[in-house]
C-alpha atoms as a PDB file:
ATOM      1  CA  MET A   1      -1.222 -46.030  -5.046  1.00  0.00           C
ATOM      2  CA  GLY A   2      -0.183 -48.391  -7.854  1.00  0.00           C
ATOM      3  CA  GLU A   3       1.565 -47.314 -11.017  1.00  0.00           C
ATOM      4  CA  ASN A   4      -1.539 -47.946 -13.139  1.00  0.00           C
ATOM      5  CA  SER A   5      -3.661 -45.785 -10.838  1.00  0.00           C
ATOM      6  CA  VAL A   6      -1.145 -42.957 -11.061  1.00  0.00           C
ATOM      7  CA  LYS A   7      -1.149 -43.215 -14.862  1.00  0.00           C
ATOM      8  CA  CYS A   8      -4.945 -43.153 -14.829  1.00  0.00           C
ATOM      9  CA  ILE A   9      -5.037 -39.975 -12.750  1.00  0.00           C
ATOM     10  CA  ARG A  10      -2.482 -38.356 -15.038  1.00  0.00           C
ATOM     11  CA  LYS A  11      -4.468 -39.271 -18.159  1.00  0.00           C
ATOM     12  CA  LEU A  12      -7.789 -38.116 -16.714  1.00  0.00           C
ATOM     13  CA  THR A  13      -6.160 -34.861 -15.656  1.00  0.00           C
ATOM     14  CA  LYS A  14      -4.811 -34.320 -19.159  1.00  0.00           C
ATOM     15  CA  ILE A  15      -8.066 -35.137 -20.947  1.00  0.00           C
ATOM     16  CA  TYR A  16     -10.880 -33.779 -18.831  1.00  0.00           C
ATOM     17  CA  MET A  17      -9.620 -30.943 -16.674  1.00  0.00           C
ATOM     18  CA  LEU A  18      -9.060 -27.362 -17.730  1.00  0.00           C
ATOM     19  CA  GLN A  19      -5.948 -25.268 -17.165  1.00  0.00           C
ATOM     20  CA  ASN A  20      -7.414 -21.774 -17.018  1.00  0.00           C
ATOM     21  CA  SER A  21      -5.715 -18.727 -15.537  1.00  0.00           C
ATOM     22  CA  GLN A  22      -7.503 -16.149 -13.415  1.00  0.00           C
ATOM     23  CA  LYS A  23      -5.526 -13.607 -15.460  1.00  0.00           C
ATOM     24  CA  ASP A  24      -7.088 -14.593 -18.778  1.00  0.00           C
ATOM     25  CA  LYS A  25      -8.303 -11.441 -20.517  1.00  0.00           C
ATOM     26  CA  LEU A  26     -11.658 -13.100 -21.230  1.00  0.00           C
ATOM     27  CA  TRP A  27     -12.625 -12.736 -17.560  1.00  0.00           C
ATOM     28  CA  ALA A  28      -9.755 -11.128 -15.625  1.00  0.00           C
ATOM     29  CA  LYS A  29     -11.496  -7.773 -15.119  1.00  0.00           C
ATOM     30  CA  LEU A  30     -14.971  -9.158 -14.432  1.00  0.00           C
ATOM     31  CA  PRO A  31     -16.262  -8.673 -10.874  1.00  0.00           C
ATOM     32  CA  LEU A  32     -16.002 -11.598  -8.485  1.00  0.00           C
ATOM     33  CA  GLY A  33     -19.450 -12.304  -7.102  1.00  0.00           C
ATOM     34  CA  ASP A  34     -21.160  -9.014  -6.366  1.00  0.00           C
ATOM     35  CA  SER A  35     -17.956  -7.361  -5.145  1.00  0.00           C
ATOM     36  CA  LYS A  36     -17.353  -3.759  -6.158  1.00  0.00           C
ATOM     37  CA  VAL A  37     -13.616  -4.180  -5.615  1.00  0.00           C
ATOM     38  CA  ASP A  38     -12.454  -7.745  -6.292  1.00  0.00           C
ATOM     39  CA  THR A  39     -12.215  -9.164  -9.798  1.00  0.00           C
ATOM     40  CA  ILE A  40     -11.582 -12.690 -10.996  1.00  0.00           C
ATOM     41  CA  GLU A  41      -7.973 -11.669 -11.593  1.00  0.00           C
ATOM     42  CA  SER A  42      -7.423 -10.208  -8.135  1.00  0.00           C
ATOM     43  CA  GLY A  43      -9.398 -12.693  -6.041  1.00  0.00           C
ATOM     44  CA  GLY A  44     -10.604 -15.507  -8.249  1.00  0.00           C
ATOM     45  CA  CYS A  45      -7.999 -18.174  -7.548  1.00  0.00           C
ATOM     46  CA  LYS A  46     -10.501 -20.485  -5.831  1.00  0.00           C
ATOM     47  CA  VAL A  47     -13.224 -19.901  -8.415  1.00  0.00           C
ATOM     48  CA  THR A  48     -10.740 -20.630 -11.201  1.00  0.00           C
ATOM     49  CA  SER A  49      -9.398 -23.734  -9.458  1.00  0.00           C
ATOM     50  CA  LEU A  50     -12.881 -25.130  -8.876  1.00  0.00           C
ATOM     51  CA  GLY A  51     -13.622 -24.454 -12.535  1.00  0.00           C
ATOM     52  CA  ASN A  52     -10.467 -26.248 -13.634  1.00  0.00           C
ATOM     53  CA  LEU A  53     -11.444 -29.193 -11.451  1.00  0.00           C
ATOM     54  CA  LEU A  54     -14.944 -29.375 -12.946  1.00  0.00           C
ATOM     55  CA  GLY A  55     -14.069 -28.472 -16.518  1.00  0.00           C
ATOM     56  CA  LEU A  56     -15.792 -25.072 -16.328  1.00  0.00           C
ATOM     57  CA  THR A  57     -14.589 -21.516 -16.813  1.00  0.00           C
ATOM     58  CA  PRO A  58     -14.336 -19.054 -13.899  1.00  0.00           C
ATOM     59  CA  ILE A  59     -17.270 -17.172 -15.439  1.00  0.00           C
ATOM     60  CA  GLU A  60     -19.444 -20.304 -15.320  1.00  0.00           C
ATOM     61  CA  ILE A  61     -18.491 -21.081 -11.716  1.00  0.00           C
ATOM     62  CA  ASP A  62     -19.084 -17.456 -10.686  1.00  0.00           C
ATOM     63  CA  LYS A  63     -22.548 -17.451 -12.277  1.00  0.00           C
ATOM     64  CA  LEU A  64     -23.468 -20.733 -10.592  1.00  0.00           C
ATOM     65  CA  LEU A  65     -22.356 -19.453  -7.188  1.00  0.00           C
ATOM     66  CA  MET A  66     -24.229 -16.174  -7.714  1.00  0.00           C
ATOM     67  CA  LYS A  67     -27.411 -17.937  -8.800  1.00  0.00           C
ATOM     68  CA  GLY A  68     -27.257 -20.491  -5.993  1.00  0.00           C
ATOM     69  CA  ASP A  69     -26.294 -18.023  -3.235  1.00  0.00           C
ATOM     70  CA  GLY A  70     -22.950 -19.763  -2.981  1.00  0.00           C
ATOM     71  CA  TYR A  71     -20.987 -16.704  -1.880  1.00  0.00           C
ATOM     72  CA  VAL A  72     -20.796 -15.204   1.598  1.00  0.00           C
ATOM     73  CA  GLU A  73     -20.032 -11.540   2.178  1.00  0.00           C
ATOM     74  CA  GLY A  74     -20.268 -10.822  -1.513  1.00  0.00           C
ATOM     75  CA  CYS A  75     -17.443 -12.866  -3.002  1.00  0.00           C
ATOM     76  CA  LEU A  76     -16.035 -15.235  -0.368  1.00  0.00           C
ATOM     77  CA  ILE A  77     -16.399 -18.982  -0.858  1.00  0.00           C
ATOM     78  CA  GLU A  78     -17.493 -21.131   2.077  1.00  0.00           C
ATOM     79  CA  ASP A  79     -16.531 -24.671   1.137  1.00  0.00           C
ATOM     80  CA  ARG A  80     -19.636 -26.598   2.208  1.00  0.00           C
ATOM     81  CA  LEU A  81     -21.985 -24.044   0.717  1.00  0.00           C
ATOM     82  CA  ALA A  82     -20.079 -23.932  -2.565  1.00  0.00           C
ATOM     83  CA  ALA A  83     -20.023 -27.739  -2.717  1.00  0.00           C
ATOM     84  CA  ARG A  84     -23.805 -27.868  -2.400  1.00  0.00           C
ATOM     85  CA  VAL A  85     -24.294 -25.304  -5.161  1.00  0.00           C
ATOM     86  CA  LEU A  86     -21.821 -27.007  -7.499  1.00  0.00           C
ATOM     87  CA  GLY A  87     -23.103 -30.543  -6.929  1.00  0.00           C
ATOM     88  CA  LEU A  88     -20.008 -31.696  -5.052  1.00  0.00           C
ATOM     89  CA  ASP A  89     -19.343 -33.602  -1.863  1.00  0.00           C
ATOM     90  CA  TYR A  90     -17.109 -31.777   0.595  1.00  0.00           C
ATOM     91  CA  LEU A  91     -15.016 -34.137   2.712  1.00  0.00           C
ATOM     92  CA  GLY A  92     -13.432 -31.413   4.835  1.00  0.00           C
ATOM     93  CA  LYS A  93      -9.829 -30.295   5.150  1.00  0.00           C
ATOM     94  CA  ALA A  94      -6.679 -32.398   5.184  1.00  0.00           C
ATOM     95  CA  ASN A  95      -2.953 -31.892   4.965  1.00  0.00           C
ATOM     96  CA  VAL A  96      -0.594 -33.267   2.355  1.00  0.00           C
ATOM     97  CA  THR A  97       0.549 -36.150   4.562  1.00  0.00           C
ATOM     98  CA  ASN A  98      -2.878 -37.550   5.422  1.00  0.00           C
ATOM     99  CA  ALA A  99      -5.022 -36.644   2.399  1.00  0.00           C
ATOM    100  CA  LEU A 100      -6.809 -39.220   0.290  1.00  0.00           C
ATOM    101  CA  GLN A 101      -5.290 -39.742  -3.148  1.00  0.00           C
ATOM    102  CA  GLY A 102      -6.750 -37.353  -5.665  1.00  0.00           C
ATOM    103  CA  ILE A 103      -6.695 -33.853  -7.074  1.00  0.00           C
ATOM    104  CA  TRP A 104      -7.731 -31.304  -4.464  1.00  0.00           C
ATOM    105  CA  VAL A 105      -7.987 -27.558  -3.984  1.00  0.00           C
ATOM    106  CA  ALA A 106      -4.926 -26.514  -1.993  1.00  0.00           C
ATOM    107  CA  GLU A 107      -4.370 -23.441   0.206  1.00  0.00           C
ATOM    108  CA  THR A 108      -1.165 -21.531   0.850  1.00  0.00           C
ATOM    109  CA  ASP A 109      -0.304 -18.281   2.642  1.00  0.00           C
ATOM    110  CA  ALA A 110       2.732 -17.680   0.429  1.00  0.00           C
ATOM    111  CA  TRP A 111       1.347 -14.383  -0.869  1.00  0.00           C
ATOM    112  CA  GLN A 112       0.352 -12.807   2.439  1.00  0.00           C
ATOM    113  CA  PHE A 113       3.312 -10.411   2.137  1.00  0.00           C
ATOM    114  CA  ALA A 114       1.520  -8.999  -0.938  1.00  0.00           C
ATOM    115  CA  GLY A 115      -1.769  -8.582   0.907  1.00  0.00           C
ATOM    116  CA  SER A 116      -3.340 -11.952   0.028  1.00  0.00           C
ATOM    117  CA  PRO A 117      -3.631 -14.099   3.169  1.00  0.00           C
ATOM    118  CA  GLN A 118      -4.859 -17.061   1.130  1.00  0.00           C
ATOM    119  CA  HIS A 119      -4.147 -18.405  -2.335  1.00  0.00           C
ATOM    120  CA  PHE A 120      -5.799 -21.480  -3.846  1.00  0.00           C
ATOM    121  CA  PHE A 121      -4.651 -23.832  -6.590  1.00  0.00           C
ATOM    122  CA  LEU A 122      -4.984 -27.520  -7.514  1.00  0.00           C
ATOM    123  CA  TYR A 123      -2.690 -30.157  -6.046  1.00  0.00           C
ATOM    124  CA  ASN A 124      -2.300 -33.698  -7.408  1.00  0.00           C
ATOM    125  CA  THR A 125      -1.308 -36.142  -4.669  1.00  0.00           C
ATOM    126  CA  ALA A 126      -0.227 -38.735  -7.245  1.00  0.00           C
ATOM    127  CA  THR A 127       2.416 -36.503  -8.808  1.00  0.00           C
ATOM    128  CA  ALA A 128       2.980 -33.835  -6.108  1.00  0.00           C
ATOM    129  CA  GLN A 129       2.406 -31.232  -8.826  1.00  0.00           C
ATOM    130  CA  VAL A 130       0.269 -28.109  -8.813  1.00  0.00           C
ATOM    131  CA  LEU A 131      -1.878 -26.237 -11.306  1.00  0.00           C
ATOM    132  CA  ASP A 132      -1.622 -22.581 -10.314  1.00  0.00           C
ATOM    133  CA  PRO A 133      -4.281 -20.166 -11.667  1.00  0.00           C
ATOM    134  CA  LEU A 134      -1.908 -17.263 -11.001  1.00  0.00           C
ATOM    135  CA  ASP A 135       0.225 -18.409 -13.915  1.00  0.00           C
ATOM    136  CA  VAL A 136      -0.607 -16.741 -17.221  1.00  0.00           C
ATOM    137  CA  SER A 137      -0.576 -20.132 -18.949  1.00  0.00           C
ATOM    138  CA  PRO A 138      -1.050 -22.712 -16.176  1.00  0.00           C
ATOM    139  CA  LYS A 139       0.593 -26.103 -16.571  1.00  0.00           C
ATOM    140  CA  TRP A 140       1.066 -28.902 -14.066  1.00  0.00           C
ATOM    141  CA  LYS A 141       4.427 -28.212 -12.420  1.00  0.00           C
ATOM    142  CA  TYR A 142       6.594 -28.809  -9.377  1.00  0.00           C
ATOM    143  CA  ASN A 143       4.963 -27.460  -6.211  1.00  0.00           C
ATOM    144  CA  PRO A 144       6.679 -24.234  -5.068  1.00  0.00           C
ATOM    145  CA  TYR A 145       4.352 -23.644  -2.113  1.00  0.00           C
ATOM    146  CA  ALA A 146       4.094 -24.611   1.524  1.00  0.00           C
ATOM    147  CA  ILE A 147       0.571 -26.046   1.603  1.00  0.00           C
ATOM    148  CA  LYS A 148      -1.487 -25.112   4.665  1.00  0.00           C
ATOM    149  CA  SER A 149      -4.475 -27.309   3.842  1.00  0.00           C
ATOM    150  CA  LEU A 150      -6.203 -29.307   1.146  1.00  0.00           C
ATOM    151  CA  ARG A 151      -9.922 -28.740   0.563  1.00  0.00           C
ATOM    152  CA  LEU A 152     -11.430 -32.097  -0.397  1.00  0.00           C
ATOM    153  CA  PHE A 153     -14.054 -31.335  -3.040  1.00  0.00           C
ATOM    154  CA  LYS A 154     -15.314 -34.489  -4.741  1.00  0.00           C
ATOM    155  CA  ILE A 155     -17.882 -35.264  -7.450  1.00  0.00           C
ATOM    156  CA  SER A 156     -21.061 -36.111  -5.561  1.00  0.00           C
ATOM    157  CA  THR A 157     -22.254 -39.716  -5.479  1.00  0.00           C
ATOM    158  CA  ARG A 158     -25.163 -39.118  -3.110  1.00  0.00           C
ATOM    159  CA  ASN A 159     -27.802 -39.107  -5.834  1.00  0.00           C
ATOM    160  CA  SER A 160     -28.257 -39.842  -9.509  1.00  0.00           C
ATOM    161  CA  ASN A 161     -28.570 -36.212 -10.565  1.00  0.00           C
ATOM    162  CA  VAL A 162     -26.139 -35.072 -13.229  1.00  0.00           C
ATOM    163  CA  THR A 163     -23.295 -33.078 -11.717  1.00  0.00           C
ATOM    164  CA  VAL A 164     -22.523 -29.560 -12.898  1.00  0.00           C
ATOM    165  CA  TRP A 165     -19.521 -30.801 -14.855  1.00  0.00           C
ATOM    166  CA  ALA A 166     -21.455 -33.653 -16.465  1.00  0.00           C
ATOM    167  CA  LYS A 167     -24.408 -31.384 -17.241  1.00  0.00           C
ATOM    168  CA  GLN A 168     -22.129 -29.017 -19.105  1.00  0.00           C
ATOM    169  CA  ALA A 169     -20.616 -31.923 -21.045  1.00  0.00           C
ATOM    170  CA  VAL A 170     -24.068 -33.274 -21.939  1.00  0.00           C
ATOM    171  CA  GLU A 171     -25.144 -29.837 -23.183  1.00  0.00           C
ATOM    172  CA  LYS A 172     -22.015 -29.604 -25.342  1.00  0.00           C
ATOM    173  CA  MET A 173     -22.755 -33.007 -26.860  1.00  0.00           C
ATOM    174  CA  ALA A 174     -26.302 -31.944 -27.699  1.00  0.00           C
ATOM    175  CA  ASN A 175     -25.398 -28.466 -28.965  1.00  0.00           C
ATOM    176  CA  LYS A 176     -22.739 -29.853 -31.299  1.00  0.00           C
ATOM    177  CA  GLY A 177     -25.202 -32.340 -32.746  1.00  0.00           C
ATOM    178  CA  TYR A 178     -23.197 -35.412 -31.784  1.00  0.00           C
ATOM    179  CA  ALA A 179     -26.348 -37.161 -30.523  1.00  0.00           C
ATOM    180  CA  LYS A 180     -29.953 -36.721 -31.674  1.00  0.00           C
ATOM    181  CA  ASP A 181     -31.608 -37.407 -28.333  1.00  0.00           C
ATOM    182  CA  TRP A 182     -29.648 -36.420 -25.247  1.00  0.00           C
ATOM    183  CA  SER A 183     -32.689 -35.630 -23.104  1.00  0.00           C
ATOM    184  CA  ASN A 184     -32.127 -38.560 -20.712  1.00  0.00           C
ATOM    185  CA  PRO A 185     -28.498 -38.271 -19.553  1.00  0.00           C
ATOM    186  CA  GLN A 186     -28.804 -41.307 -17.259  1.00  0.00           C
ATOM    187  CA  GLU A 187     -29.678 -43.634 -20.148  1.00  0.00           C
ATOM    188  CA  SER A 188     -27.043 -46.242 -20.967  1.00  0.00           C
ATOM    189  CA  VAL A 189     -25.171 -45.737 -24.222  1.00  0.00           C
ATOM    190  CA  THR A 190     -25.772 -48.706 -26.532  1.00  0.00           C
ATOM    191  CA  PRO A 191     -23.071 -49.904 -28.963  1.00  0.00           C
ATOM    192  CA  ALA A 192     -25.125 -48.580 -31.889  1.00  0.00           C
ATOM    193  CA  MET A 193     -25.536 -45.193 -30.207  1.00  0.00           C
ATOM    194  CA  LEU A 194     -21.833 -45.026 -29.405  1.00  0.00           C
ATOM    195  CA  GLU A 195     -20.965 -45.857 -32.996  1.00  0.00           C
ATOM    196  CA  GLN A 196     -23.272 -43.122 -34.299  1.00  0.00           C
ATOM    197  CA  ILE A 197     -21.796 -40.560 -31.901  1.00  0.00           C
ATOM    198  CA  LEU A 198     -18.244 -41.442 -32.923  1.00  0.00           C
ATOM    199  CA  PHE A 199     -19.289 -41.162 -36.578  1.00  0.00           C
ATOM    200  CA  ASN A 200     -20.882 -37.751 -35.930  1.00  0.00           C
ATOM    201  CA  MET A 201     -17.635 -36.643 -34.307  1.00  0.00           C
ATOM    202  CA  GLY A 202     -15.617 -37.754 -37.324  1.00  0.00           C
ATOM    203  CA  ALA A 203     -13.752 -40.408 -35.339  1.00  0.00           C
ATOM    204  CA  ILE A 204     -14.873 -43.265 -37.624  1.00  0.00           C
ATOM    205  CA  LYS A 205     -15.788 -43.205 -41.302  1.00  0.00           C
ATOM    206  CA  GLN A 206     -18.723 -45.624 -41.461  1.00  0.00           C
ATOM    207  CA  VAL A 207     -21.771 -46.728 -39.486  1.00  0.00           C
ATOM    208  CA  LEU A 208     -21.874 -50.523 -39.620  1.00  0.00           C
ATOM    209  CA  GLY A 209     -24.391 -51.268 -36.871  1.00  0.00           C
ATOM    210  CA  GLY A 210     -21.954 -51.839 -34.039  1.00  0.00           C
ATOM    211  CA  ILE A 211     -18.523 -51.005 -32.690  1.00  0.00           C
ATOM    212  CA  THR A 212     -15.674 -53.494 -32.279  1.00  0.00           C
ATOM    213  CA  LYS A 213     -12.809 -53.015 -29.851  1.00  0.00           C
ATOM    214  CA  GLU A 214     -10.519 -52.369 -32.784  1.00  0.00           C
ATOM    215  CA  ARG A 215     -12.725 -49.631 -34.268  1.00  0.00           C
ATOM    216  CA  PHE A 216     -13.227 -48.106 -30.824  1.00  0.00           C
ATOM    217  CA  ALA A 217      -9.452 -47.942 -30.303  1.00  0.00           C
ATOM    218  CA  VAL A 218      -9.020 -46.313 -33.720  1.00  0.00           C
ATOM    219  CA  ALA A 219     -11.769 -43.799 -32.869  1.00  0.00           C
ATOM    220  CA  LEU A 220     -10.071 -42.839 -29.612  1.00  0.00           C
ATOM    221  CA  ASP A 221      -6.780 -42.463 -31.457  1.00  0.00           C
ATOM    222  CA  ASN A 222      -8.425 -40.227 -34.067  1.00  0.00           C
ATOM    223  CA  LEU A 223      -9.764 -38.075 -31.236  1.00  0.00           C
ATOM    224  CA  LYS A 224      -6.190 -37.878 -29.876  1.00  0.00           C
ATOM    225  CA  LEU A 225      -7.162 -39.456 -26.561  1.00  0.00           C
ATOM    226  CA  LEU A 226      -4.547 -42.228 -26.638  1.00  0.00           C
END
């Protein structure tokens, strides 16, 4: 992978992905699936990691899996089933040496001595770093684990339906009033529409009927994306 591609992955990771912990008090004690025993804190590493990958909270992922019958045996995640519910492609398992470049859900057995035969987290092949939901404040860091497998979940390209992640983003845009009509998410964004959205977000100060490269760069800088 070239240097520019690595930089792109790093920037996308920084901007779009979440870094939630399964121990966050907002959801730590909530039940995982319909389990009477497991909570998001005790068993929600995979739910949290999938949420971080998609830009959703563990609560949102849990609700989607519950609604779409994405759990087996109450609170266990079967990869292909979960992928279907979450609008993802599942490319199977791989190991670190033969995996496609990307950010994948990784599995380790490092905590089996504590009664957890599996633990899941995100692994970035471009940087060899991990995002571990067991951390109280997860940050991308050096990988301390022996990785048993990578689970290759990928944003689906099989149809034109909006993915779960994109659907959530579209709803946020509409709810915050950044765009008047967001009912057709597959519609192309025109320069005038983009300018109006950036104005609504406070990224530019005037609506002039179009957006130049210079003004677009300034808008991105104002949004702290550069």
